[in-house]
C-alpha atoms as a PDB file:
ATOM      1  CA  MET A   1     207.304  96.854  22.699  1.00  0.00           C
ATOM      2  CA  LYS A   2     204.354  99.258  22.609  1.00  0.00           C
ATOM      3  CA  TYR A   3     201.534  96.709  22.486  1.00  0.00           C
ATOM      4  CA  PRO A   4     202.544  93.640  24.536  1.00  0.00           C
ATOM      5  CA  LEU A   5     199.124  91.977  24.553  1.00  0.00           C
ATOM      6  CA  LEU A   6     198.895  92.056  20.764  1.00  0.00           C
ATOM      7  CA  HIS A   7     202.173  90.118  20.648  1.00  0.00           C
ATOM      8  CA  GLU A   8     200.919  87.297  22.867  1.00  0.00           C
ATOM      9  CA  THR A   9     200.386  83.902  21.264  1.00  0.00           C
ATOM     10  CA  LEU A  10     197.002  82.196  21.457  1.00  0.00           C
ATOM     11  CA  LYS A  11     195.963  78.584  20.973  1.00  0.00           C
ATOM     12  CA  VAL A  12     192.889  78.234  18.770  1.00  0.00           C
ATOM     13  CA  GLY A  13     191.975  74.594  18.468  1.00  0.00           C
ATOM     14  CA  SER A  14     195.075  72.810  17.185  1.00  0.00           C
ATOM     15  CA  SER A  15     196.710  76.017  15.889  1.00  0.00           C
ATOM     16  CA  VAL A  16     198.887  78.441  17.831  1.00  0.00           C
ATOM     17  CA  LEU A  17     198.575  82.010  16.570  1.00  0.00           C
ATOM     18  CA  LYS A  18     201.754  84.092  16.831  1.00  0.00           C
ATOM     19  CA  ASN A  19     199.862  87.272  17.707  1.00  0.00           C
ATOM     20  CA  ARG A  20     196.341  88.552  18.347  1.00  0.00           C
ATOM     21  CA  LEU A  21     195.735  90.404  15.073  1.00  0.00           C
ATOM     22  CA  VAL A  22     193.467  88.806  12.474  1.00  0.00           C
ATOM     23  CA  MET A  23     192.663  89.679   8.895  1.00  0.00           C
ATOM     24  CA  PRO A  24     188.876  89.141   8.856  1.00  0.00           C
ATOM     25  CA  PRO A  25     186.947  87.980   5.785  1.00  0.00           C
ATOM     26  CA  MET A  26     186.196  90.720   3.250  1.00  0.00           C
ATOM     27  CA  ALA A  27     184.750  90.040  -0.194  1.00  0.00           C
ATOM     28  CA  THR A  28     187.043  91.099  -3.051  1.00  0.00           C
ATOM     29  CA  GLU A  29     185.336  89.707  -6.174  1.00  0.00           C
ATOM     30  CA  LYS A  30     188.856  88.831  -7.398  1.00  0.00           C
ATOM     31  CA  SER A  31     187.960  85.293  -8.447  1.00  0.00           C
ATOM     32  CA  ALA A  32     187.053  84.413 -12.027  1.00  0.00           C
ATOM     33  CA  LYS A  33     183.582  82.877 -11.880  1.00  0.00           C
ATOM     34  CA  GLY A  34     184.495  81.226  -8.604  1.00  0.00           C
ATOM     35  CA  GLN A  35     187.998  80.096  -9.527  1.00  0.00           C
ATOM     36  CA  VAL A  36     191.187  81.330  -7.869  1.00  0.00           C
ATOM     37  CA  THR A  37     193.156  83.888  -9.892  1.00  0.00           C
ATOM     38  CA  ASP A  38     196.744  85.103  -9.716  1.00  0.00           C
ATOM     39  CA  GLY A  39     195.383  88.400  -8.418  1.00  0.00           C
ATOM     40  CA  LEU A  40     193.608  86.674  -5.536  1.00  0.00           C
ATOM     41  CA  ILE A  41     196.756  84.752  -4.611  1.00  0.00           C
ATOM     42  CA  ALA A  42     198.865  87.914  -4.753  1.00  0.00           C
ATOM     43  CA  TYR A  43     196.357  89.746  -2.552  1.00  0.00           C
ATOM     44  CA  TYR A  44     196.380  87.148   0.219  1.00  0.00           C
ATOM     45  CA  GLY A  45     200.128  86.628  -0.066  1.00  0.00           C
ATOM     46  CA  ASP A  46     200.647  90.357   0.405  1.00  0.00           C
ATOM     47  CA  MET A  47     198.402  90.410   3.465  1.00  0.00           C
ATOM     48  CA  ALA A  48     200.244  87.411   4.914  1.00  0.00           C
ATOM     49  CA  ARG A  49     203.611  89.147   4.508  1.00  0.00           C
ATOM     50  CA  SER A  50     202.335  91.799   6.913  1.00  0.00           C
ATOM     51  CA  GLY A  51     202.274  89.125   9.620  1.00  0.00           C
ATOM     52  CA  PRO A  52     198.787  88.837  11.158  1.00  0.00           C
ATOM     53  CA  GLY A  53     198.305  85.911  13.512  1.00  0.00           C
ATOM     54  CA  LEU A  54     195.528  84.535  11.311  1.00  0.00           C
ATOM     55  CA  ILE A  55     193.855  85.176   7.959  1.00  0.00           C
ATOM     56  CA  ILE A  56     190.193  84.318   7.450  1.00  0.00           C
ATOM     57  CA  GLN A  57     189.522  84.250   3.727  1.00  0.00           C
ATOM     58  CA  GLU A  58     186.471  85.887   2.173  1.00  0.00           C
ATOM     59  CA  HIS A  59     183.302  83.821   2.018  1.00  0.00           C
ATOM     60  CA  SER A  60     183.152  80.849  -0.352  1.00  0.00           C
ATOM     61  CA  PHE A  61     179.884  79.272  -1.455  1.00  0.00           C
ATOM     62  CA  VAL A  62     179.283  75.647  -0.477  1.00  0.00           C
ATOM     63  CA  SER A  63     176.807  74.818  -3.249  1.00  0.00           C
ATOM     64  CA  PRO A  64     175.805  76.486  -6.533  1.00  0.00           C
ATOM     65  CA  ASP A  65     172.375  77.542  -5.259  1.00  0.00           C
ATOM     66  CA  GLY A  66     174.042  79.399  -2.388  1.00  0.00           C
ATOM     67  CA  ARG A  67     176.225  81.647  -4.517  1.00  0.00           C
ATOM     68  CA  ALA A  68     175.983  85.303  -3.453  1.00  0.00           C
ATOM     69  CA  SER A  69     177.729  86.922  -6.435  1.00  0.00           C
ATOM     70  CA  ALA A  70     179.189  86.024  -9.815  1.00  0.00           C
ATOM     71  CA  ASN A  71     182.813  86.246  -8.675  1.00  0.00           C
ATOM     72  CA  GLN A  72     182.463  84.782  -5.209  1.00  0.00           C
ATOM     73  CA  VAL A  73     185.078  82.087  -4.504  1.00  0.00           C
ATOM     74  CA  SER A  74     183.804  78.523  -4.862  1.00  0.00           C
ATOM     75  CA  LEU A  75     184.282  75.565  -2.525  1.00  0.00           C
ATOM     76  CA  ALA A  76     181.379  73.718  -4.116  1.00  0.00           C
ATOM     77  CA  ALA A  77     183.326  71.243  -6.277  1.00  0.00           C
ATOM     78  CA  ASP A  78     186.473  69.126  -6.111  1.00  0.00           C
ATOM     79  CA  ALA A  79     187.744  70.981  -9.176  1.00  0.00           C
ATOM     80  CA  ASP A  80     188.157  74.047  -6.941  1.00  0.00           C
ATOM     81  CA  ILE A  81     190.844  72.390  -4.816  1.00  0.00           C
ATOM     82  CA  PRO A  82     193.996  72.864  -6.983  1.00  0.00           C
ATOM     83  CA  GLY A  83     193.565  76.634  -7.248  1.00  0.00           C
ATOM     84  CA  LEU A  84     192.892  76.935  -3.540  1.00  0.00           C
ATOM     85  CA  GLN A  85     196.014  74.876  -2.806  1.00  0.00           C
ATOM     86  CA  ARG A  86     198.048  77.580  -4.552  1.00  0.00           C
ATOM     87  CA  LEU A  87     196.412  80.226  -2.382  1.00  0.00           C
ATOM     88  CA  THR A  88     196.991  78.447   0.932  1.00  0.00           C
ATOM     89  CA  ALA A  89     200.601  77.735  -0.062  1.00  0.00           C
ATOM     90  CA  ALA A  90     201.200  81.453  -0.650  1.00  0.00           C
ATOM     91  CA  VAL A  91     199.858  82.299   2.802  1.00  0.00           C
ATOM     92  CA  HIS A  92     201.634  79.448   4.600  1.00  0.00           C
ATOM     93  CA  ALA A  93     204.921  80.499   2.981  1.00  0.00           C
ATOM     94  CA  GLN A  94     204.717  83.576   5.221  1.00  0.00           C
ATOM     95  CA  GLY A  95     204.112  81.498   8.354  1.00  0.00           C
ATOM     96  CA  VAL A  96     200.460  82.492   8.711  1.00  0.00           C
ATOM     97  CA  PRO A  97     197.539  80.050   9.182  1.00  0.00           C
ATOM     98  CA  ILE A  98     194.415  80.560   7.084  1.00  0.00           C
ATOM     99  CA  LEU A  99     190.764  79.593   7.461  1.00  0.00           C
ATOM    100  CA  ALA A 100     188.264  79.361   4.614  1.00  0.00           C
ATOM    101  CA  GLN A 101     184.945  81.017   5.399  1.00  0.00           C
ATOM    102  CA  ILE A 102     182.141  78.799   4.102  1.00  0.00           C
ATOM    103  CA  SER A 103     178.691  80.161   3.358  1.00  0.00           C
ATOM    104  CA  HIS A 104     175.327  79.686   1.690  1.00  0.00           C
ATOM    105  CA  ALA A 105     173.488  82.845   0.661  1.00  0.00           C
ATOM    106  CA  GLY A 106     169.962  81.504   1.119  1.00  0.00           C
ATOM    107  CA  SER A 107     167.504  84.275   0.274  1.00  0.00           C
ATOM    108  CA  ALA A 108     170.420  86.645  -0.358  1.00  0.00           C
ATOM    109  CA  ALA A 109     171.058  84.665  -3.556  1.00  0.00           C
ATOM    110  CA  HIS A 110     169.461  85.617  -6.850  1.00  0.00           C
ATOM    111  CA  ARG A 111     168.186  83.320  -9.579  1.00  0.00           C
ATOM    112  CA  ALA A 112     169.902  85.539 -12.187  1.00  0.00           C
ATOM    113  CA  ILE A 113     173.250  84.448 -10.693  1.00  0.00           C
ATOM    114  CA  THR A 114     172.566  80.891  -9.549  1.00  0.00           C
ATOM    115  CA  GLY A 115     169.993  79.806 -12.112  1.00  0.00           C
ATOM    116  CA  GLN A 116     168.283  77.951  -9.278  1.00  0.00           C
ATOM    117  CA  GLU A 117     165.370  78.314  -6.898  1.00  0.00           C
ATOM    118  CA  VAL A 118     166.042  80.574  -3.903  1.00  0.00           C
ATOM    119  CA  ILE A 119     165.561  78.985  -0.472  1.00  0.00           C
ATOM    120  CA  SER A 120     165.559  80.170   3.125  1.00  0.00           C
ATOM    121  CA  ALA A 121     164.537  79.239   6.656  1.00  0.00           C
ATOM    122  CA  SER A 122     161.054  80.561   5.889  1.00  0.00           C
ATOM    123  CA  ALA A 123     159.175  82.064   2.967  1.00  0.00           C
ATOM    124  CA  VAL A 124     160.081  85.576   4.105  1.00  0.00           C
ATOM    125  CA  PRO A 125     161.800  88.279   2.034  1.00  0.00           C
ATOM    126  CA  ASN A 126     165.357  89.017   3.116  1.00  0.00           C
ATOM    127  CA  PRO A 127     165.438  92.378   4.943  1.00  0.00           C
ATOM    128  CA  SER A 128     169.141  92.749   4.157  1.00  0.00           C
ATOM    129  CA  ARG A 129     168.609  92.882   0.409  1.00  0.00           C
ATOM    130  CA  ALA A 130     167.227  95.615  -1.851  1.00  0.00           C
ATOM    131  CA  ALA A 131     166.644  95.922  -5.574  1.00  0.00           C
ATOM    132  CA  SER A 132     169.798  95.511  -7.663  1.00  0.00           C
ATOM    133  CA  VAL A 133     170.891  95.152 -11.271  1.00  0.00           C
ATOM    134  CA  HIS A 134     169.407  91.645 -11.036  1.00  0.00           C
ATOM    135  CA  GLY A 135     165.964  93.010 -10.163  1.00  0.00           C
ATOM    136  CA  GLN A 136     163.933  92.846  -6.979  1.00  0.00           C
ATOM    137  CA  PRO A 137     165.045  90.493  -4.164  1.00  0.00           C
ATOM    138  CA  GLU A 138     163.784  86.953  -4.594  1.00  0.00           C
ATOM    139  CA  PHE A 139     160.885  85.592  -2.534  1.00  0.00           C
ATOM    140  CA  PRO A 140     162.341  82.350  -1.138  1.00  0.00           C
ATOM    141  CA  ARG A 141     160.799  78.942  -0.670  1.00  0.00           C
ATOM    142  CA  GLU A 142     160.829  77.602   2.887  1.00  0.00           C
ATOM    143  CA  MET A 143     163.321  74.765   3.206  1.00  0.00           C
ATOM    144  CA  THR A 144     162.104  71.233   3.856  1.00  0.00           C
ATOM    145  CA  GLN A 145     163.781  68.830   6.266  1.00  0.00           C
ATOM    146  CA  GLY A 146     165.389  67.243   3.231  1.00  0.00           C
ATOM    147  CA  ASP A 147     166.734  70.603   2.090  1.00  0.00           C
ATOM    148  CA  ILE A 148     168.256  71.157   5.528  1.00  0.00           C
ATOM    149  CA  GLN A 149     170.057  67.818   5.439  1.00  0.00           C
ATOM    150  CA  CYS A 150     171.418  68.661   1.981  1.00  0.00           C
ATOM    151  CA  ILE A 151     172.716  71.998   3.279  1.00  0.00           C
ATOM    152  CA  ILE A 152     174.445  70.332   6.226  1.00  0.00           C
ATOM    153  CA  GLN A 153     176.115  67.914   3.812  1.00  0.00           C
ATOM    154  CA  ALA A 154     177.154  70.788   1.532  1.00  0.00           C
ATOM    155  CA  PHE A 155     178.899  72.542   4.433  1.00  0.00           C
ATOM    156  CA  VAL A 156     180.631  69.309   5.447  1.00  0.00           C
ATOM    157  CA  ASP A 157     181.789  68.601   1.891  1.00  0.00           C
ATOM    158  CA  ALA A 158     183.058  72.171   1.484  1.00  0.00           C
ATOM    159  CA  ALA A 159     184.988  71.887   4.750  1.00  0.00           C
ATOM    160  CA  ALA A 160     186.519  68.611   3.552  1.00  0.00           C
ATOM    161  CA  ARG A 161     187.623  70.292   0.312  1.00  0.00           C
ATOM    162  CA  ALA A 162     189.125  73.118   2.356  1.00  0.00           C
ATOM    163  CA  GLN A 163     191.115  70.596   4.359  1.00  0.00           C
ATOM    164  CA  GLN A 164     192.362  68.962   1.149  1.00  0.00           C
ATOM    165  CA  ALA A 165     193.318  72.400  -0.167  1.00  0.00           C
ATOM    166  CA  GLY A 166     195.556  73.007   2.839  1.00  0.00           C
ATOM    167  CA  TYR A 167     193.434  75.300   4.993  1.00  0.00           C
ATOM    168  CA  ASP A 168     194.021  75.091   8.732  1.00  0.00           C
ATOM    169  CA  GLY A 169     190.280  75.163   9.292  1.00  0.00           C
ATOM    170  CA  VAL A 170     187.046  76.829   8.279  1.00  0.00           C
ATOM    171  CA  GLU A 171     184.816  79.574   9.569  1.00  0.00           C
ATOM    172  CA  ILE A 172     181.079  78.929   9.280  1.00  0.00           C
ATOM    173  CA  HIS A 173     179.359  82.118   8.118  1.00  0.00           C
ATOM    174  CA  SER A 174     176.258  82.839  10.204  1.00  0.00           C
ATOM    175  CA  ALA A 175     176.009  86.610   9.781  1.00  0.00           C
ATOM    176  CA  HIS A 176     175.235  89.439   7.351  1.00  0.00           C
ATOM    177  CA  GLY A 177     171.878  88.180   6.155  1.00  0.00           C
ATOM    178  CA  TYR A 178     173.074  84.891   4.643  1.00  0.00           C
ATOM    179  CA  LEU A 179     171.355  81.527   5.122  1.00  0.00           C
ATOM    180  CA  LEU A 180     172.538  80.579   8.611  1.00  0.00           C
ATOM    181  CA  ASP A 181     171.811  84.119   9.764  1.00  0.00           C
ATOM    182  CA  GLN A 182     168.334  83.686   8.289  1.00  0.00           C
ATOM    183  CA  PHE A 183     167.856  80.710  10.623  1.00  0.00           C
ATOM    184  CA  TYR A 184     169.300  82.643  13.592  1.00  0.00           C
ATOM    185  CA  SER A 185     167.192  85.776  13.132  1.00  0.00           C
ATOM    186  CA  PRO A 186     163.557  85.789  14.297  1.00  0.00           C
ATOM    187  CA  LEU A 187     162.905  88.233  11.460  1.00  0.00           C
ATOM    188  CA  THR A 188     163.438  85.524   8.851  1.00  0.00           C
ATOM    189  CA  ASN A 189     162.844  82.313  10.817  1.00  0.00           C
ATOM    190  CA  ARG A 190     159.113  81.685  11.218  1.00  0.00           C
ATOM    191  CA  ARG A 191     159.473  77.907  11.448  1.00  0.00           C
ATOM    192  CA  THR A 192     157.615  75.829  14.047  1.00  0.00           C
ATOM    193  CA  ASP A 193     159.617  72.576  13.780  1.00  0.00           C
ATOM    194  CA  ASP A 194     162.925  71.640  15.464  1.00  0.00           C
ATOM    195  CA  TYR A 195     164.536  74.665  13.782  1.00  0.00           C
ATOM    196  CA  THR A 196     161.878  77.025  15.108  1.00  0.00           C
ATOM    197  CA  GLY A 197     162.470  80.738  15.236  1.00  0.00           C
ATOM    198  CA  ARG A 198     160.652  80.892  18.569  1.00  0.00           C
ATOM    199  CA  THR A 199     163.542  79.595  20.698  1.00  0.00           C
ATOM    200  CA  LEU A 200     167.276  80.168  20.711  1.00  0.00           C
ATOM    201  CA  GLU A 201     167.843  76.415  20.612  1.00  0.00           C
ATOM    202  CA  GLY A 202     165.762  76.191  17.436  1.00  0.00           C
ATOM    203  CA  ARG A 203     167.459  79.176  15.825  1.00  0.00           C
ATOM    204  CA  THR A 204     170.935  77.723  16.490  1.00  0.00           C
ATOM    205  CA  ARG A 205     170.130  74.089  15.702  1.00  0.00           C
ATOM    206  CA  LEU A 206     171.353  74.223  12.098  1.00  0.00           C
ATOM    207  CA  GLN A 207     174.666  75.815  13.088  1.00  0.00           C
ATOM    208  CA  VAL A 208     175.104  73.256  15.875  1.00  0.00           C
ATOM    209  CA  GLU A 209     174.394  70.353  13.520  1.00  0.00           C
ATOM    210  CA  ILE A 210     176.857  71.707  10.941  1.00  0.00           C
ATOM    211  CA  ILE A 211     179.578  72.072  13.594  1.00  0.00           C
ATOM    212  CA  GLN A 212     178.959  68.532  14.840  1.00  0.00           C
ATOM    213  CA  ALA A 213     178.904  67.054  11.339  1.00  0.00           C
ATOM    214  CA  ILE A 214     182.151  68.754  10.296  1.00  0.00           C
ATOM    215  CA  ARG A 215     183.819  67.646  13.525  1.00  0.00           C
ATOM    216  CA  ARG A 216     182.753  64.043  12.959  1.00  0.00           C
ATOM    217  CA  ARG A 217     184.050  64.077   9.379  1.00  0.00           C
ATOM    218  CA  LEU A 218     187.327  65.978   9.824  1.00  0.00           C
ATOM    219  CA  GLY A 219     188.375  65.322  13.409  1.00  0.00           C
ATOM    220  CA  LYS A 220     189.501  67.433  16.347  1.00  0.00           C
ATOM    221  CA  ASP A 221     192.603  68.985  14.747  1.00  0.00           C
ATOM    222  CA  PHE A 222     190.742  70.913  12.037  1.00  0.00           C
ATOM    223  CA  VAL A 223     190.008  74.395  13.378  1.00  0.00           C
ATOM    224  CA  LEU A 224     186.338  75.413  13.440  1.00  0.00           C
ATOM    225  CA  SER A 225     185.277  79.028  13.837  1.00  0.00           C
ATOM    226  CA  LEU A 226     181.844  80.579  13.444  1.00  0.00           C
ATOM    227  CA  ARG A 227     180.984  84.171  12.610  1.00  0.00           C
ATOM    228  CA  LEU A 228     177.766  85.101  14.345  1.00  0.00           C
ATOM    229  CA  GLY A 229     175.486  88.006  13.551  1.00  0.00           C
ATOM    230  CA  GLY A 230     174.820  88.547  17.237  1.00  0.00           C
ATOM    231  CA  SER A 231     172.280  91.341  16.858  1.00  0.00           C
ATOM    232  CA  ASP A 232     170.161  92.428  13.922  1.00  0.00           C
ATOM    233  CA  TYR A 233     169.759  95.940  15.365  1.00  0.00           C
ATOM    234  CA  MET A 234     166.205  95.838  14.017  1.00  0.00           C
ATOM    235  CA  ASP A 235     162.902  95.611  15.902  1.00  0.00           C
ATOM    236  CA  GLY A 236     161.960  91.995  16.503  1.00  0.00           C
ATOM    237  CA  GLY A 237     165.372  90.688  15.488  1.00  0.00           C
ATOM    238  CA  ALA A 238     168.208  88.882  17.245  1.00  0.00           C
ATOM    239  CA  VAL A 239     169.532  90.738  20.298  1.00  0.00           C
ATOM    240  CA  CYS A 240     172.793  90.993  22.203  1.00  0.00           C
ATOM    241  CA  ALA A 241     171.366  89.408  25.367  1.00  0.00           C
ATOM    242  CA  GLU A 242     171.150  86.013  23.611  1.00  0.00           C
ATOM    243  CA  VAL A 243     174.767  85.850  22.452  1.00  0.00           C
ATOM    244  CA  GLY A 244     176.237  84.298  25.600  1.00  0.00           C
ATOM    245  CA  GLN A 245     173.824  81.360  25.510  1.00  0.00           C
ATOM    246  CA  ALA A 246     174.348  80.901  21.765  1.00  0.00           C
ATOM    247  CA  ALA A 247     178.109  80.821  22.345  1.00  0.00           C
ATOM    248  CA  LYS A 248     177.639  78.140  24.998  1.00  0.00           C
ATOM    249  CA  LEU A 249     175.655  75.985  22.569  1.00  0.00           C
ATOM    250  CA  PHE A 250     178.292  76.355  19.847  1.00  0.00           C
ATOM    251  CA  GLU A 251     181.135  75.488  22.227  1.00  0.00           C
ATOM    252  CA  ALA A 252     179.315  72.343  23.376  1.00  0.00           C
ATOM    253  CA  ALA A 253     178.923  71.318  19.722  1.00  0.00           C
ATOM    254  CA  GLY A 254     182.695  71.400  19.152  1.00  0.00           C
ATOM    255  CA  LEU A 255     183.543  74.948  18.043  1.00  0.00           C
ATOM    256  CA  ASP A 256     187.087  76.322  18.555  1.00  0.00           C
ATOM    257  CA  MET A 257     186.574  80.067  18.075  1.00  0.00           C
ATOM    258  CA  LEU A 258     183.775  82.621  17.754  1.00  0.00           C
ATOM    259  CA  SER A 259     183.813  85.841  15.721  1.00  0.00           C
ATOM    260  CA  LEU A 260     181.172  88.489  16.370  1.00  0.00           C
ATOM    261  CA  SER A 261     179.476  90.762  13.889  1.00  0.00           C
ATOM    262  CA  GLY A 262     176.007  92.244  13.579  1.00  0.00           C
ATOM    263  CA  GLY A 263     173.543  94.274  11.608  1.00  0.00           C
ATOM    264  CA  MET A 264     171.647  92.010   9.221  1.00  0.00           C
ATOM    265  CA  SER A 265     170.882  94.888   6.895  1.00  0.00           C
ATOM    266  CA  PHE A 266     173.810  97.181   7.578  1.00  0.00           C
ATOM    267  CA  PHE A 267     176.884  95.178   8.736  1.00  0.00           C
ATOM    268  CA  PHE A 268     177.473  97.851  11.374  1.00  0.00           C
ATOM    269  CA  ARG A 269     175.854  99.075  14.582  1.00  0.00           C
ATOM    270  CA  PRO A 270     173.417 101.911  13.840  1.00  0.00           C
ATOM    271  CA  GLY A 271     174.320 105.127  15.626  1.00  0.00           C
ATOM    272  CA  HIS A 272     177.831 103.938  16.491  1.00  0.00           C
ATOM    273  CA  THR A 273     181.004 104.895  14.656  1.00  0.00           C
ATOM    274  CA  GLU A 274     183.523 104.339  17.444  1.00  0.00           C
ATOM    275  CA  ALA A 275     186.270 101.745  17.129  1.00  0.00           C
ATOM    276  CA  GLY A 276     185.067  98.289  18.120  1.00  0.00           C
ATOM    277  CA  TYR A 277     181.380  99.056  17.741  1.00  0.00           C
ATOM    278  CA  PHE A 278     180.551  95.355  18.126  1.00  0.00           C
ATOM    279  CA  ALA A 279     182.318  95.192  21.517  1.00  0.00           C
ATOM    280  CA  GLU A 280     179.025  94.623  23.331  1.00  0.00           C
ATOM    281  CA  LEU A 281     178.530  91.436  21.299  1.00  0.00           C
ATOM    282  CA  ALA A 282     182.039  90.129  21.998  1.00  0.00           C
ATOM    283  CA  GLU A 283     181.617  90.844  25.712  1.00  0.00           C
ATOM    284  CA  ALA A 284     178.278  89.049  25.722  1.00  0.00           C
ATOM    285  CA  ALA A 285     179.844  86.016  24.031  1.00  0.00           C
ATOM    286  CA  LYS A 286     182.559  85.843  26.673  1.00  0.00           C
ATOM    287  CA  THR A 287     179.930  85.494  29.410  1.00  0.00           C
ATOM    288  CA  GLY A 288     178.883  82.166  27.921  1.00  0.00           C
ATOM    289  CA  THR A 289     182.061  80.586  26.586  1.00  0.00           C
ATOM    290  CA  THR A 290     185.727  79.967  27.280  1.00  0.00           C
ATOM    291  CA  LEU A 291     186.450  79.936  23.542  1.00  0.00           C
ATOM    292  CA  PRO A 292     188.631  82.631  21.967  1.00  0.00           C
ATOM    293  CA  VAL A 293     186.374  85.483  20.864  1.00  0.00           C
ATOM    294  CA  MET A 294     187.222  87.841  18.006  1.00  0.00           C
ATOM    295  CA  LEU A 295     186.094  91.459  17.838  1.00  0.00           C
ATOM    296  CA  THR A 296     185.854  93.462  14.621  1.00  0.00           C
ATOM    297  CA  GLY A 297     184.250  96.755  13.704  1.00  0.00           C
ATOM    298  CA  GLY A 298     186.077  99.955  12.856  1.00  0.00           C
ATOM    299  CA  ILE A 299     189.328  99.117  14.665  1.00  0.00           C
ATOM    300  CA  ALA A 300     192.177 100.770  12.791  1.00  0.00           C
ATOM    301  CA  ASP A 301     195.233 101.071  15.032  1.00  0.00           C
ATOM    302  CA  GLY A 302     197.270  99.283  17.661  1.00  0.00           C
ATOM    303  CA  ALA A 303     196.226 101.430  20.604  1.00  0.00           C
ATOM    304  CA  GLU A 304     192.564 100.660  20.008  1.00  0.00           C
ATOM    305  CA  ALA A 305     193.260  96.951  19.571  1.00  0.00           C
ATOM    306  CA  GLU A 306     195.413  96.740  22.709  1.00  0.00           C
ATOM    307  CA  THR A 307     192.733  98.462  24.777  1.00  0.00           C
ATOM    308  CA  PHE A 308     190.086  95.865  23.929  1.00  0.00           C
ATOM    309  CA  LEU A 309     192.475  93.096  24.989  1.00  0.00           C
ATOM    310  CA  GLU A 310     193.360  94.943  28.205  1.00  0.00           C
ATOM    311  CA  LYS A 311     189.684  95.257  29.111  1.00  0.00           C
ATOM    312  CA  GLY A 312     189.089  91.555  28.446  1.00  0.00           C
ATOM    313  CA  GLN A 313     186.428  92.347  25.872  1.00  0.00           C
ATOM    314  CA  ALA A 314     187.977  90.057  23.255  1.00  0.00           C
ATOM    315  CA  ASP A 315     190.868  87.649  22.687  1.00  0.00           C
ATOM    316  CA  LEU A 316     191.515  88.456  19.030  1.00  0.00           C
ATOM    317  CA  ILE A 317     191.186  91.689  17.090  1.00  0.00           C
ATOM    318  CA  GLY A 318     190.102  91.782  13.463  1.00  0.00           C
ATOM    319  CA  ILE A 319     191.408  94.716  11.444  1.00  0.00           C
ATOM    320  CA  GLY A 320     189.771  94.733   8.029  1.00  0.00           C
ATOM    321  CA  ARG A 321     188.993  97.941   6.192  1.00  0.00           C
ATOM    322  CA  ALA A 322     192.180  99.574   7.474  1.00  0.00           C
ATOM    323  CA  ALA A 323     194.115  96.654   5.945  1.00  0.00           C
ATOM    324  CA  LEU A 324     192.425  97.240   2.602  1.00  0.00           C
ATOM    325  CA  ARG A 325     193.861 100.749   2.666  1.00  0.00           C
ATOM    326  CA  ASP A 326     197.301  99.534   3.790  1.00  0.00           C
ATOM    327  CA  HIS A 327     198.178  95.854   3.366  1.00  0.00           C
ATOM    328  CA  GLN A 328     201.149  96.215   5.716  1.00  0.00           C
ATOM    329  CA  ILE A 329     199.170  97.555   8.661  1.00  0.00           C
ATOM    330  CA  TYR A 330     199.678  94.445  10.803  1.00  0.00           C
ATOM    331  CA  GLN A 331     203.451  94.690  10.503  1.00  0.00           C
ATOM    332  CA  LYS A 332     203.366  98.413  11.225  1.00  0.00           C
ATOM    333  CA  ILE A 333     201.336  97.906  14.399  1.00  0.00           C
ATOM    334  CA  LEU A 334     203.440  95.004  15.659  1.00  0.00           C
ATOM    335  CA  SER A 335     206.735  96.783  14.979  1.00  0.00           C
ATOM    336  CA  MET A 336     205.890  99.665  17.330  1.00  0.00           C
END
């Protein structure tokens, strides 16, 4: 066995993963106006046959106003459940657990897609968005306390639908310039209330309240992960030094697992092309939490993945873009 650490099992909440490789969430646009298609089921079934320890499905919108793209998967209505049940069944048939990633786009949404007003933590343009076929980025309205409570409920309801659809848990998307990242980043959170952008506790309050609310509704056996944009890599933005304390707050709220990403505007670490370029964020998270921490970012082979586990920089390794090129990459790595 060439990579013994990758073969080790790991308990994440109530689930036991058979190995340390994870298929991370990557948008495919394979749905049909939000609904599951045969192509989407075939795609995830094929990935599951390769044998990763866990699949985290691409982001699904929790409410219509939070839709990021026309063919993003929906978890916003009960009518979505039957199609998603077919998808989870295809993955579970291969012995692989699957999480649904749940998200609201906030100011990354566009009225041309949602038909609704665009909202965010503050009335600040989203630095992660540029002009597109839909026109210039929207200028969002700052959310009221009532809006925030509605968003929390939307995440809880989406998680409940995911449970009904057979998912082993959900991952809360707080990265890549979407709504929860907009609350976490000082660049887009100019609030002065309990969700203030001036303190880490204020910037993480919405995530903490969503974790707590989902846990109350769905119980301790439903796996909860969160993907955190740990650093914006932009002047005045979120920084790596805060990640350990944020991880501690999320663990206290009831989280089971933390996945690290970064780069609000880029989804990578500027000036870094090496494998595991978000390793500094994963390491920072591990200083503040005992939760399993997942590292992603340019990792493409078993030797690289094993090294990060050996160094204690992460507990799980996400291999994404390399899996898009070769759906059987997990099996190939684990068979060495």
